[in-house]
Amino acid sequence: MVQRPIQRESVMGELGRKFRQHMLLRGFAEATKESYEHALVDLVRAYDGKSPDLLTNEQIQAHVARLTSERHLAWTTINVYVSAYKIFFHDLLQRPNSEFSLPRRGRARIRPHVLDRASVRKILDAHKNLKHRAFLAMVYGSGLRVSEACRLRPCDIESAPDRMMVRVEQAKGRKDRYTLLSSSALELLREYWLKYRLTGGWVFPRRGTSEPFSVAGAQHVYWNACAKAGISRARAHGIHTLRHCFASHLMEDGVALPLIQRLLGQNDLSTTSVYCHVSRALLENVRSPADRLADAK
């Protein structure tokens, strides 16, 4: 028998409403709230819709273990799940440590996956759909997180010739920031806006609704573009790769690391420093200090 999909509302019920309210009062960013709610729904689905307040600590730990052993999720992703469960069971349900305990996993410093510029160009040019082309151009051209691109509003785009900027409001960590607006992305945005004559509150609304474009829909657009461009999933690694490419290509162009950090909206410079990987493009313009000594003779 085929199982019917379980909707979030039917899974969580009143507890889901309280969880969302708790996160709202804690001031979590929209992307964080969505990620934490998804993690909790994932836990409930693993136990056939059983109410989460009835799950034991052993069941919760077993689910987290499966995320590693069976689903092979990255440590950073598993930490999101663990954080969500701690907020729900510790903070909301007030379970003591004797009844709920999950170890936080360490963070692996993994070099981000980056595509060369020619591959990025193929991805950006792959779609004929103006909305999809403009969306991918904004993610790469401004270094946006996918959730930030989905929730862009027309007032966030500053297109004056002397101020080509994108305002990212209440991003991760509830921080506002400004980042770059590329002229090529702006050209696509204008063409897209004139064609569709949009009047809602979002630059990229979900089709047929007043809601913003979904993260899942954005990921689907990216995968389709990669397929059309002849780039395998093993190389593409998901839409967040375009943000990695933005940072890495700025680094190759000689942009200072602290400035890239500000454009990305990252708190810790060590997080941005992962883009300092050695590349051929960088090595071509670097000379050994020993050669400088020889020039001084």
C-alpha atoms as a PDB file:
ATOM      1  CA  MET A   1       0.000   0.000   0.000  1.00  0.00           C
ATOM      2  CA  VAL A   2       1.341   3.428  -0.950  1.00  0.00           C
ATOM      3  CA  GLN A   3       1.597   5.831   1.979  1.00  0.00           C
ATOM      4  CA  ARG A   4      -0.082   9.180   1.561  1.00  0.00           C
ATOM      5  CA  PRO A   5       2.231  12.156   2.136  1.00  0.00           C
ATOM      6  CA  ILE A   6       1.861  13.745   5.569  1.00  0.00           C
ATOM      7  CA  GLN A   7       1.289  17.487   5.518  1.00  0.00           C
ATOM      8  CA  ARG A   8       3.121  19.682   8.036  1.00  0.00           C
ATOM      9  CA  GLU A   9      -0.091  20.917   9.599  1.00  0.00           C
ATOM     10  CA  SER A  10      -1.500  17.432  10.171  1.00  0.00           C
ATOM     11  CA  VAL A  11       1.839  16.194  11.492  1.00  0.00           C
ATOM     12  CA  MET A  12       2.445  18.979  13.986  1.00  0.00           C
ATOM     13  CA  GLY A  13      -1.001  20.266  14.892  1.00  0.00           C
ATOM     14  CA  GLU A  14      -1.118  22.484  17.980  1.00  0.00           C
ATOM     15  CA  LEU A  15       2.495  21.657  18.894  1.00  0.00           C
ATOM     16  CA  GLY A  16       3.577  22.920  15.487  1.00  0.00           C
ATOM     17  CA  ARG A  17       1.758  26.188  16.063  1.00  0.00           C
ATOM     18  CA  LYS A  18       3.431  26.580  19.478  1.00  0.00           C
ATOM     19  CA  PHE A  19       6.833  25.748  17.986  1.00  0.00           C
ATOM     20  CA  ARG A  20       6.436  28.374  15.260  1.00  0.00           C
ATOM     21  CA  GLN A  21       5.292  30.923  17.822  1.00  0.00           C
ATOM     22  CA  HIS A  22       8.236  30.098  20.082  1.00  0.00           C
ATOM     23  CA  MET A  23      10.709  30.615  17.232  1.00  0.00           C
ATOM     24  CA  LEU A  24       8.964  33.857  16.272  1.00  0.00           C
ATOM     25  CA  LEU A  25       9.315  35.170  19.821  1.00  0.00           C
ATOM     26  CA  ARG A  26      12.964  34.101  19.877  1.00  0.00           C
ATOM     27  CA  GLY A  27      13.512  36.256  16.809  1.00  0.00           C
ATOM     28  CA  PHE A  28      14.778  33.517  14.500  1.00  0.00           C
ATOM     29  CA  ALA A  29      15.307  34.386  10.845  1.00  0.00           C
ATOM     30  CA  GLU A  30      12.743  33.050   8.367  1.00  0.00           C
ATOM     31  CA  ALA A  31      15.201  30.573   6.870  1.00  0.00           C
ATOM     32  CA  THR A  32      16.085  29.253  10.345  1.00  0.00           C
ATOM     33  CA  LYS A  33      12.423  28.788  11.243  1.00  0.00           C
ATOM     34  CA  GLU A  34      11.786  26.869   8.039  1.00  0.00           C
ATOM     35  CA  SER A  35      14.844  24.651   8.572  1.00  0.00           C
ATOM     36  CA  TYR A  36      13.931  23.862  12.196  1.00  0.00           C
ATOM     37  CA  GLU A  37      10.316  23.095  11.352  1.00  0.00           C
ATOM     38  CA  HIS A  38      11.446  20.845   8.498  1.00  0.00           C
ATOM     39  CA  ALA A  39      13.762  18.975  10.892  1.00  0.00           C
ATOM     40  CA  LEU A  40      10.951  18.374  13.363  1.00  0.00           C
ATOM     41  CA  VAL A  41       8.515  17.226  10.667  1.00  0.00           C
ATOM     42  CA  ASP A  42      11.220  14.857   9.411  1.00  0.00           C
ATOM     43  CA  LEU A  43      11.473  13.347  12.899  1.00  0.00           C
ATOM     44  CA  VAL A  44       7.701  12.872  13.161  1.00  0.00           C
ATOM     45  CA  ARG A  45       7.483  11.284   9.722  1.00  0.00           C
ATOM     46  CA  ALA A  46      10.186   8.805  10.709  1.00  0.00           C
ATOM     47  CA  TYR A  47       7.774   7.476  13.341  1.00  0.00           C
ATOM     48  CA  ASP A  48       4.658   7.405  11.137  1.00  0.00           C
ATOM     49  CA  GLY A  49       3.198  10.691  12.346  1.00  0.00           C
ATOM     50  CA  LYS A  50       3.496  10.014  16.057  1.00  0.00           C
ATOM     51  CA  SER A  51       3.182  13.206  18.098  1.00  0.00           C
ATOM     52  CA  PRO A  52       6.716  14.447  18.928  1.00  0.00           C
ATOM     53  CA  ASP A  53       5.931  14.917  22.625  1.00  0.00           C
ATOM     54  CA  LEU A  54       5.413  11.130  22.831  1.00  0.00           C
ATOM     55  CA  LEU A  55       8.820  10.268  21.380  1.00  0.00           C
ATOM     56  CA  THR A  56      11.505   9.013  23.754  1.00  0.00           C
ATOM     57  CA  ASN A  57      15.081  10.206  23.881  1.00  0.00           C
ATOM     58  CA  GLU A  58      16.181   6.829  22.479  1.00  0.00           C
ATOM     59  CA  GLN A  59      13.909   7.294  19.453  1.00  0.00           C
ATOM     60  CA  ILE A  60      15.217  10.795  18.820  1.00  0.00           C
ATOM     61  CA  GLN A  61      18.832   9.641  19.084  1.00  0.00           C
ATOM     62  CA  ALA A  62      18.118   6.735  16.736  1.00  0.00           C
ATOM     63  CA  HIS A  63      16.711   9.140  14.157  1.00  0.00           C
ATOM     64  CA  VAL A  64      19.779  11.389  14.353  1.00  0.00           C
ATOM     65  CA  ALA A  65      21.993   8.314  13.975  1.00  0.00           C
ATOM     66  CA  ARG A  66      20.112   7.340  10.796  1.00  0.00           C
ATOM     67  CA  LEU A  67      20.753  10.790   9.341  1.00  0.00           C
ATOM     68  CA  THR A  68      24.424   9.852   9.406  1.00  0.00           C
ATOM     69  CA  SER A  69      24.485   6.118   8.766  1.00  0.00           C
ATOM     70  CA  GLU A  70      21.697   5.825   6.179  1.00  0.00           C
ATOM     71  CA  ARG A  71      21.118   9.251   4.682  1.00  0.00           C
ATOM     72  CA  HIS A  72      24.753  10.403   4.889  1.00  0.00           C
ATOM     73  CA  LEU A  73      23.900  14.026   5.617  1.00  0.00           C
ATOM     74  CA  ALA A  74      26.712  16.511   6.175  1.00  0.00           C
ATOM     75  CA  TRP A  75      27.710  17.401   9.729  1.00  0.00           C
ATOM     76  CA  THR A  76      26.540  20.972   9.279  1.00  0.00           C
ATOM     77  CA  THR A  77      23.094  19.743   8.210  1.00  0.00           C
ATOM     78  CA  ILE A  78      22.862  17.319  11.133  1.00  0.00           C
ATOM     79  CA  ASN A  79      23.747  20.159  13.508  1.00  0.00           C
ATOM     80  CA  VAL A  80      20.691  22.042  12.194  1.00  0.00           C
ATOM     81  CA  TYR A  81      18.522  19.022  13.071  1.00  0.00           C
ATOM     82  CA  VAL A  82      20.112  18.725  16.526  1.00  0.00           C
ATOM     83  CA  SER A  83      19.625  22.447  17.202  1.00  0.00           C
ATOM     84  CA  ALA A  84      15.967  22.207  16.157  1.00  0.00           C
ATOM     85  CA  TYR A  85      15.362  19.270  18.503  1.00  0.00           C
ATOM     86  CA  LYS A  86      17.046  21.056  21.398  1.00  0.00           C
ATOM     87  CA  ILE A  87      14.892  24.132  20.869  1.00  0.00           C
ATOM     88  CA  PHE A  88      11.731  22.003  20.699  1.00  0.00           C
ATOM     89  CA  PHE A  89      12.360  19.488  23.496  1.00  0.00           C
ATOM     90  CA  HIS A  90      14.473  21.591  25.892  1.00  0.00           C
ATOM     91  CA  ASP A  91      13.035  25.060  25.419  1.00  0.00           C
ATOM     92  CA  LEU A  92       9.433  24.413  24.384  1.00  0.00           C
ATOM     93  CA  LEU A  93       8.610  21.120  26.134  1.00  0.00           C
ATOM     94  CA  GLN A  94      10.969  21.825  29.062  1.00  0.00           C
ATOM     95  CA  ARG A  95      12.406  18.317  29.092  1.00  0.00           C
ATOM     96  CA  PRO A  96      15.313  17.965  31.560  1.00  0.00           C
ATOM     97  CA  ASN A  97      18.703  16.617  30.481  1.00  0.00           C
ATOM     98  CA  SER A  98      17.868  13.268  32.074  1.00  0.00           C
ATOM     99  CA  GLU A  99      15.018  12.835  29.539  1.00  0.00           C
ATOM    100  CA  PHE A 100      16.527  14.488  26.498  1.00  0.00           C
ATOM    101  CA  SER A 101      20.160  14.671  25.472  1.00  0.00           C
ATOM    102  CA  LEU A 102      21.818  14.958  22.084  1.00  0.00           C
ATOM    103  CA  PRO A 103      25.548  15.535  21.491  1.00  0.00           C
ATOM    104  CA  ARG A 104      26.355  18.336  19.088  1.00  0.00           C
ATOM    105  CA  ARG A 105      28.583  17.135  16.310  1.00  0.00           C
ATOM    106  CA  GLY A 106      31.766  18.891  15.323  1.00  0.00           C
ATOM    107  CA  ARG A 107      32.136  20.945  12.194  1.00  0.00           C
ATOM    108  CA  ALA A 108      34.266  19.647   9.384  1.00  0.00           C
ATOM    109  CA  ARG A 109      36.152  22.292   7.457  1.00  0.00           C
ATOM    110  CA  ILE A 110      35.344  21.205   3.927  1.00  0.00           C
ATOM    111  CA  ARG A 111      36.520  23.170   0.949  1.00  0.00           C
ATOM    112  CA  PRO A 112      33.422  24.460  -0.877  1.00  0.00           C
ATOM    113  CA  HIS A 113      32.643  23.130  -4.327  1.00  0.00           C
ATOM    114  CA  VAL A 114      33.319  25.759  -6.975  1.00  0.00           C
ATOM    115  CA  LEU A 115      32.686  25.731 -10.717  1.00  0.00           C
ATOM    116  CA  ASP A 116      34.839  27.526 -13.262  1.00  0.00           C
ATOM    117  CA  ARG A 117      33.448  30.656 -14.877  1.00  0.00           C
ATOM    118  CA  ALA A 118      32.667  28.954 -18.186  1.00  0.00           C
ATOM    119  CA  SER A 119      30.480  26.382 -16.408  1.00  0.00           C
ATOM    120  CA  VAL A 120      28.652  29.106 -14.476  1.00  0.00           C
ATOM    121  CA  ARG A 121      28.017  30.938 -17.745  1.00  0.00           C
ATOM    122  CA  LYS A 122      26.467  27.796 -19.238  1.00  0.00           C
ATOM    123  CA  ILE A 123      24.170  27.389 -16.218  1.00  0.00           C
ATOM    124  CA  LEU A 124      23.037  31.026 -16.311  1.00  0.00           C
ATOM    125  CA  ASP A 125      22.304  30.809 -20.054  1.00  0.00           C
ATOM    126  CA  ALA A 126      20.624  27.391 -19.972  1.00  0.00           C
ATOM    127  CA  HIS A 127      17.008  28.416 -19.320  1.00  0.00           C
ATOM    128  CA  LYS A 128      14.766  30.169 -21.822  1.00  0.00           C
ATOM    129  CA  ASN A 129      12.314  31.056 -19.031  1.00  0.00           C
ATOM    130  CA  LEU A 130      13.067  34.667 -18.056  1.00  0.00           C
ATOM    131  CA  LYS A 131      12.116  34.211 -14.412  1.00  0.00           C
ATOM    132  CA  HIS A 132      14.458  31.245 -13.993  1.00  0.00           C
ATOM    133  CA  ARG A 133      17.324  32.985 -15.772  1.00  0.00           C
ATOM    134  CA  ALA A 134      16.890  36.126 -13.674  1.00  0.00           C
ATOM    135  CA  PHE A 135      16.697  34.117 -10.465  1.00  0.00           C
ATOM    136  CA  LEU A 136      19.937  32.207 -11.089  1.00  0.00           C
ATOM    137  CA  ALA A 137      21.641  35.421 -12.215  1.00  0.00           C
ATOM    138  CA  MET A 138      20.738  37.058  -8.894  1.00  0.00           C
ATOM    139  CA  VAL A 139      22.006  34.133  -6.809  1.00  0.00           C
ATOM    140  CA  TYR A 140      25.389  34.150  -8.538  1.00  0.00           C
ATOM    141  CA  GLY A 141      25.722  37.860  -9.310  1.00  0.00           C
ATOM    142  CA  SER A 142      24.932  38.943  -5.742  1.00  0.00           C
ATOM    143  CA  GLY A 143      26.188  35.906  -3.807  1.00  0.00           C
ATOM    144  CA  LEU A 144      22.782  35.309  -2.242  1.00  0.00           C
ATOM    145  CA  ARG A 145      21.654  32.382  -0.157  1.00  0.00           C
ATOM    146  CA  VAL A 146      18.792  30.663  -1.956  1.00  0.00           C
ATOM    147  CA  SER A 147      16.308  31.673   0.767  1.00  0.00           C
ATOM    148  CA  GLU A 148      17.427  35.307   0.389  1.00  0.00           C
ATOM    149  CA  ALA A 149      16.880  35.239  -3.379  1.00  0.00           C
ATOM    150  CA  CYS A 150      13.436  33.672  -2.931  1.00  0.00           C
ATOM    151  CA  ARG A 151      12.315  36.481  -0.630  1.00  0.00           C
ATOM    152  CA  LEU A 152      13.646  39.465  -2.570  1.00  0.00           C
ATOM    153  CA  ARG A 153      11.239  42.395  -2.848  1.00  0.00           C
ATOM    154  CA  PRO A 154      11.270  45.078  -5.541  1.00  0.00           C
ATOM    155  CA  CYS A 155      12.321  47.704  -2.968  1.00  0.00           C
ATOM    156  CA  ASP A 156      15.465  45.647  -2.217  1.00  0.00           C
ATOM    157  CA  ILE A 157      16.862  46.344  -5.698  1.00  0.00           C
ATOM    158  CA  GLU A 158      18.759  49.643  -5.931  1.00  0.00           C
ATOM    159  CA  SER A 159      19.545  50.212  -9.600  1.00  0.00           C
ATOM    160  CA  ALA A 160      20.791  53.806  -9.755  1.00  0.00           C
ATOM    161  CA  PRO A 161      23.998  53.919 -11.856  1.00  0.00           C
ATOM    162  CA  ASP A 162      25.997  55.184  -8.875  1.00  0.00           C
ATOM    163  CA  ARG A 163      24.510  52.647  -6.438  1.00  0.00           C
ATOM    164  CA  MET A 164      24.072  49.197  -7.958  1.00  0.00           C
ATOM    165  CA  MET A 165      23.215  47.310  -4.765  1.00  0.00           C
ATOM    166  CA  VAL A 166      20.900  44.661  -3.352  1.00  0.00           C
ATOM    167  CA  ARG A 167      19.598  45.063   0.179  1.00  0.00           C
ATOM    168  CA  VAL A 168      19.266  41.755   2.013  1.00  0.00           C
ATOM    169  CA  GLU A 169      16.932  42.275   4.954  1.00  0.00           C
ATOM    170  CA  GLN A 170      16.879  40.106   8.081  1.00  0.00           C
ATOM    171  CA  ALA A 171      19.118  37.422   6.617  1.00  0.00           C
ATOM    172  CA  LYS A 172      20.793  34.619   8.549  1.00  0.00           C
ATOM    173  CA  GLY A 173      21.498  35.810  12.093  1.00  0.00           C
ATOM    174  CA  ARG A 174      18.818  38.514  11.621  1.00  0.00           C
ATOM    175  CA  LYS A 175      21.319  40.871  10.000  1.00  0.00           C
ATOM    176  CA  ASP A 176      20.688  43.367   7.217  1.00  0.00           C
ATOM    177  CA  ARG A 177      23.389  43.854   4.608  1.00  0.00           C
ATOM    178  CA  TYR A 178      24.089  45.212   1.153  1.00  0.00           C
ATOM    179  CA  THR A 179      25.668  43.219  -1.628  1.00  0.00           C
ATOM    180  CA  LEU A 180      26.463  43.762  -5.289  1.00  0.00           C
ATOM    181  CA  LEU A 181      23.950  44.013  -8.133  1.00  0.00           C
ATOM    182  CA  SER A 182      25.390  42.926 -11.456  1.00  0.00           C
ATOM    183  CA  SER A 183      24.434  44.857 -14.569  1.00  0.00           C
ATOM    184  CA  SER A 184      23.668  41.620 -16.430  1.00  0.00           C
ATOM    185  CA  ALA A 185      21.284  40.484 -13.689  1.00  0.00           C
ATOM    186  CA  LEU A 186      19.612  43.906 -13.655  1.00  0.00           C
ATOM    187  CA  GLU A 187      19.056  43.725 -17.410  1.00  0.00           C
ATOM    188  CA  LEU A 188      17.357  40.326 -17.001  1.00  0.00           C
ATOM    189  CA  LEU A 189      15.281  41.598 -14.086  1.00  0.00           C
ATOM    190  CA  ARG A 190      13.990  44.534 -16.102  1.00  0.00           C
ATOM    191  CA  GLU A 191      13.104  42.319 -19.064  1.00  0.00           C
ATOM    192  CA  TYR A 192      11.408  39.811 -16.760  1.00  0.00           C
ATOM    193  CA  TRP A 193       9.484  42.517 -14.881  1.00  0.00           C
ATOM    194  CA  LEU A 194       8.217  44.162 -18.067  1.00  0.00           C
ATOM    195  CA  LYS A 195       7.095  40.852 -19.547  1.00  0.00           C
ATOM    196  CA  TYR A 196       5.166  39.591 -16.514  1.00  0.00           C
ATOM    197  CA  ARG A 197       3.958  42.967 -15.155  1.00  0.00           C
ATOM    198  CA  LEU A 198       4.149  41.698 -11.573  1.00  0.00           C
ATOM    199  CA  THR A 199       2.311  43.656  -8.911  1.00  0.00           C
ATOM    200  CA  GLY A 200       2.854  41.551  -5.746  1.00  0.00           C
ATOM    201  CA  GLY A 201       5.316  41.947  -2.932  1.00  0.00           C
ATOM    202  CA  TRP A 202       7.988  39.561  -4.230  1.00  0.00           C
ATOM    203  CA  VAL A 203      10.427  39.781  -7.118  1.00  0.00           C
ATOM    204  CA  PHE A 204      10.081  36.019  -7.620  1.00  0.00           C
ATOM    205  CA  PRO A 205       6.590  34.928  -6.528  1.00  0.00           C
ATOM    206  CA  ARG A 206       5.504  31.305  -6.511  1.00  0.00           C
ATOM    207  CA  ARG A 207       3.445  30.634  -9.623  1.00  0.00           C
ATOM    208  CA  GLY A 208      -0.246  31.395  -9.175  1.00  0.00           C
ATOM    209  CA  THR A 209       0.113  32.563  -5.563  1.00  0.00           C
ATOM    210  CA  SER A 210       1.098  35.606  -3.531  1.00  0.00           C
ATOM    211  CA  GLU A 211       3.800  33.572  -1.764  1.00  0.00           C
ATOM    212  CA  PRO A 212       7.546  33.905  -2.451  1.00  0.00           C
ATOM    213  CA  PHE A 213       9.338  31.350  -4.611  1.00  0.00           C
ATOM    214  CA  SER A 214      10.076  28.184  -2.642  1.00  0.00           C
ATOM    215  CA  VAL A 215      13.588  26.905  -1.897  1.00  0.00           C
ATOM    216  CA  ALA A 216      12.636  23.519  -3.337  1.00  0.00           C
ATOM    217  CA  GLY A 217      11.421  25.195  -6.533  1.00  0.00           C
ATOM    218  CA  ALA A 218      14.662  27.180  -6.790  1.00  0.00           C
ATOM    219  CA  GLN A 219      16.722  24.020  -6.369  1.00  0.00           C
ATOM    220  CA  HIS A 220      14.689  22.369  -9.131  1.00  0.00           C
ATOM    221  CA  VAL A 221      15.377  25.321 -11.442  1.00  0.00           C
ATOM    222  CA  TYR A 222      19.108  24.980 -10.752  1.00  0.00           C
ATOM    223  CA  TRP A 223      19.182  21.227 -11.415  1.00  0.00           C
ATOM    224  CA  ASN A 224      17.315  21.707 -14.694  1.00  0.00           C
ATOM    225  CA  ALA A 225      19.791  24.378 -15.762  1.00  0.00           C
ATOM    226  CA  CYS A 226      22.726  22.091 -14.933  1.00  0.00           C
ATOM    227  CA  ALA A 227      21.175  19.258 -16.940  1.00  0.00           C
ATOM    228  CA  LYS A 228      20.666  21.539 -19.946  1.00  0.00           C
ATOM    229  CA  ALA A 229      24.232  22.833 -19.598  1.00  0.00           C
ATOM    230  CA  GLY A 230      25.642  19.291 -19.493  1.00  0.00           C
ATOM    231  CA  ILE A 231      26.967  19.648 -15.937  1.00  0.00           C
ATOM    232  CA  SER A 232      26.530  16.557 -13.769  1.00  0.00           C
ATOM    233  CA  ARG A 233      25.062  16.624 -10.277  1.00  0.00           C
ATOM    234  CA  ALA A 234      28.387  15.363  -8.970  1.00  0.00           C
ATOM    235  CA  ARG A 235      29.939  18.655 -10.140  1.00  0.00           C
ATOM    236  CA  ALA A 236      26.957  20.935  -9.522  1.00  0.00           C
ATOM    237  CA  HIS A 237      26.364  20.133  -5.807  1.00  0.00           C
ATOM    238  CA  GLY A 238      23.166  22.198  -5.478  1.00  0.00           C
ATOM    239  CA  ILE A 239      22.247  25.838  -5.989  1.00  0.00           C
ATOM    240  CA  HIS A 240      24.369  27.029  -3.026  1.00  0.00           C
ATOM    241  CA  THR A 241      27.355  26.338  -5.301  1.00  0.00           C
ATOM    242  CA  LEU A 242      26.564  29.576  -7.151  1.00  0.00           C
ATOM    243  CA  ARG A 243      27.136  31.513  -3.904  1.00  0.00           C
ATOM    244  CA  HIS A 244      30.437  29.695  -3.448  1.00  0.00           C
ATOM    245  CA  CYS A 245      31.376  30.625  -7.021  1.00  0.00           C
ATOM    246  CA  PHE A 246      30.548  34.299  -6.360  1.00  0.00           C
ATOM    247  CA  ALA A 247      32.950  34.370  -3.398  1.00  0.00           C
ATOM    248  CA  SER A 248      35.685  32.304  -5.032  1.00  0.00           C
ATOM    249  CA  HIS A 249      35.651  34.295  -8.269  1.00  0.00           C
ATOM    250  CA  LEU A 250      35.838  37.576  -6.309  1.00  0.00           C
ATOM    251  CA  MET A 251      38.843  36.143  -4.482  1.00  0.00           C
ATOM    252  CA  GLU A 252      40.497  35.283  -7.801  1.00  0.00           C
ATOM    253  CA  ASP A 253      39.860  38.872  -8.945  1.00  0.00           C
ATOM    254  CA  GLY A 254      41.819  40.169  -5.958  1.00  0.00           C
ATOM    255  CA  VAL A 255      38.925  41.429  -3.817  1.00  0.00           C
ATOM    256  CA  ALA A 256      39.930  41.646  -0.144  1.00  0.00           C
ATOM    257  CA  LEU A 257      38.682  38.880   2.150  1.00  0.00           C
ATOM    258  CA  PRO A 258      36.956  41.232   4.680  1.00  0.00           C
ATOM    259  CA  LEU A 259      34.951  42.819   1.849  1.00  0.00           C
ATOM    260  CA  ILE A 260      33.845  39.394   0.574  1.00  0.00           C
ATOM    261  CA  GLN A 261      32.870  38.557   4.152  1.00  0.00           C
ATOM    262  CA  ARG A 262      30.622  41.639   4.295  1.00  0.00           C
ATOM    263  CA  LEU A 263      29.032  40.901   0.915  1.00  0.00           C
ATOM    264  CA  LEU A 264      28.246  37.333   2.012  1.00  0.00           C
ATOM    265  CA  GLY A 265      26.944  38.438   5.413  1.00  0.00           C
ATOM    266  CA  GLN A 266      29.199  36.119   7.397  1.00  0.00           C
ATOM    267  CA  ASN A 267      30.077  36.836  11.032  1.00  0.00           C
ATOM    268  CA  ASP A 268      33.364  35.001  11.250  1.00  0.00           C
ATOM    269  CA  LEU A 269      36.251  35.773   8.897  1.00  0.00           C
ATOM    270  CA  SER A 270      37.423  32.166   9.318  1.00  0.00           C
ATOM    271  CA  THR A 271      34.205  31.054   7.601  1.00  0.00           C
ATOM    272  CA  THR A 272      34.994  33.224   4.585  1.00  0.00           C
ATOM    273  CA  SER A 273      38.633  32.120   4.570  1.00  0.00           C
ATOM    274  CA  VAL A 274      37.656  28.713   3.136  1.00  0.00           C
ATOM    275  CA  TYR A 275      37.616  30.496  -0.233  1.00  0.00           C
ATOM    276  CA  CYS A 276      41.360  31.120   0.063  1.00  0.00           C
ATOM    277  CA  HIS A 277      42.041  27.800  -1.630  1.00  0.00           C
ATOM    278  CA  VAL A 278      45.010  27.767  -3.978  1.00  0.00           C
ATOM    279  CA  SER A 279      43.992  28.002  -7.623  1.00  0.00           C
ATOM    280  CA  ARG A 280      45.911  28.262 -10.869  1.00  0.00           C
ATOM    281  CA  ALA A 281      44.430  31.692 -11.516  1.00  0.00           C
ATOM    282  CA  LEU A 282      45.832  32.995  -8.251  1.00  0.00           C
ATOM    283  CA  LEU A 283      49.219  31.299  -8.669  1.00  0.00           C
ATOM    284  CA  GLU A 284      49.746  32.888 -12.057  1.00  0.00           C
ATOM    285  CA  ASN A 285      49.917  36.320 -10.399  1.00  0.00           C
ATOM    286  CA  VAL A 286      51.970  35.353  -7.349  1.00  0.00           C
ATOM    287  CA  ARG A 287      55.759  35.304  -7.153  1.00  0.00           C
ATOM    288  CA  SER A 288      57.869  33.672  -4.521  1.00  0.00           C
ATOM    289  CA  PRO A 289      59.491  36.147  -2.067  1.00  0.00           C
ATOM    290  CA  ALA A 290      62.807  34.565  -3.027  1.00  0.00           C
ATOM    291  CA  ASP A 291      62.385  35.962  -6.538  1.00  0.00           C
ATOM    292  CA  ARG A 292      61.718  39.398  -5.052  1.00  0.00           C
ATOM    293  CA  LEU A 293      65.053  39.176  -3.227  1.00  0.00           C
ATOM    294  CA  ALA A 294      66.782  38.354  -6.475  1.00  0.00           C
ATOM    295  CA  ASP A 295      65.238  41.449  -8.104  1.00  0.00           C
ATOM    296  CA  ALA A 296      66.668  43.615  -5.317  1.00  0.00           C
ATOM    297  CA  LYS A 297      70.288  42.698  -6.074  1.00  0.00           C
END
